[in-house]
Amino acid sequence: MRTRADEAIEVRTADWLARLDQPCVPDGIHNEFEAWCRADRRNLAAYLRLLDAWHRLDALSKGARNLVPSS
């Protein structure tokens, strides 16, 4: 059963993933992220799960584009 705390971690994780998926991320943001990861072991675990899903979706998307014949 998912708790409100679990849901809050997932929402925050998605926010971190979006913030870190920028061309230029200031050092301060990286420092905040590292502190967030250290604050609760569930944070890093959630981030790694979401990052894995993100990469898998990206790979699927790229694979699908390669299947479409070019005109």
Protein backbone atom coordinates (compact mmCIF):
# COMPACT_ATOMS: atom_id res chain seq x y z
CA MET A 1 0.00 0.00 0.00
CA ARG A 2 1.31 3.40 -0.98
CA THR A 3 1.34 6.07 1.67
CA ARG A 4 1.09 9.82 1.27
CA ALA A 5 4.80 10.00 2.06
CA ASP A 6 5.52 7.58 -0.82
CA GLU A 7 3.41 9.69 -3.17
CA ALA A 8 5.18 12.87 -2.03
CA ILE A 9 8.55 11.23 -2.72
CA GLU A 10 7.41 10.21 -6.21
CA VAL A 11 6.22 13.74 -7.00
CA ARG A 12 9.47 15.25 -5.71
CA THR A 13 11.44 12.64 -7.65
CA ALA A 14 9.73 13.62 -10.90
CA ASP A 15 10.52 17.25 -10.12
CA TRP A 16 14.20 16.41 -9.60
CA LEU A 17 14.35 14.41 -12.79
CA ALA A 18 12.94 17.34 -14.77
CA ARG A 19 15.26 19.84 -13.07
CA LEU A 20 18.34 17.75 -13.72
CA ASP A 21 17.41 17.03 -17.35
CA GLN A 22 18.49 20.49 -18.47
CA PRO A 23 21.51 21.44 -20.58
CA CYS A 24 23.08 23.53 -17.80
CA VAL A 25 22.33 22.71 -14.19
CA PRO A 26 23.94 25.00 -11.62
CA ASP A 27 26.17 23.41 -8.97
CA GLY A 28 23.77 24.59 -6.28
CA ILE A 29 21.00 22.46 -7.76
CA HIS A 30 23.29 19.42 -7.78
CA ASN A 31 24.16 20.10 -4.14
CA GLU A 32 20.46 20.32 -3.22
CA PHE A 33 19.78 17.08 -5.07
CA GLU A 34 22.59 15.26 -3.29
CA ALA A 35 21.31 16.50 0.08
CA TRP A 36 17.81 15.31 -0.83
CA CYS A 37 19.18 11.88 -1.77
CA ARG A 38 21.07 11.62 1.54
CA ALA A 39 18.07 12.77 3.59
CA ASP A 40 16.13 9.53 3.03
CA ARG A 41 17.27 6.36 1.32
CA ARG A 42 13.84 6.11 -0.33
CA ASN A 43 14.59 9.32 -2.25
CA LEU A 44 17.56 7.93 -4.14
CA ALA A 45 15.80 4.61 -4.74
CA ALA A 46 12.78 6.41 -6.21
CA TYR A 47 15.02 8.59 -8.36
CA LEU A 48 16.91 5.60 -9.75
CA ARG A 49 13.65 3.78 -10.55
CA LEU A 50 12.23 6.80 -12.37
CA LEU A 51 15.51 7.46 -14.18
CA ASP A 52 15.55 3.85 -15.38
CA ALA A 53 11.98 4.17 -16.67
CA TRP A 54 12.91 7.48 -18.35
CA HIS A 55 15.85 5.86 -20.15
CA ARG A 56 13.76 2.86 -21.20
CA LEU A 57 11.07 5.12 -22.65
CA ASP A 58 13.70 7.15 -24.46
CA ALA A 59 15.17 3.98 -25.96
CA LEU A 60 11.72 2.78 -27.02
CA SER A 61 11.02 6.14 -28.61
CA LYS A 62 14.27 6.08 -30.53
CA GLY A 63 13.63 2.50 -31.61
CA ALA A 64 10.15 3.38 -32.84
CA ARG A 65 11.52 6.30 -34.87
CA ASN A 66 13.99 3.93 -36.52
CA LEU A 67 11.15 1.63 -37.54
CA VAL A 68 9.30 4.36 -39.43
CA PRO A 69 10.37 4.40 -43.07
CA SER A 70 11.77 7.71 -44.26
CA SER A 71 10.20 9.24 -47.33
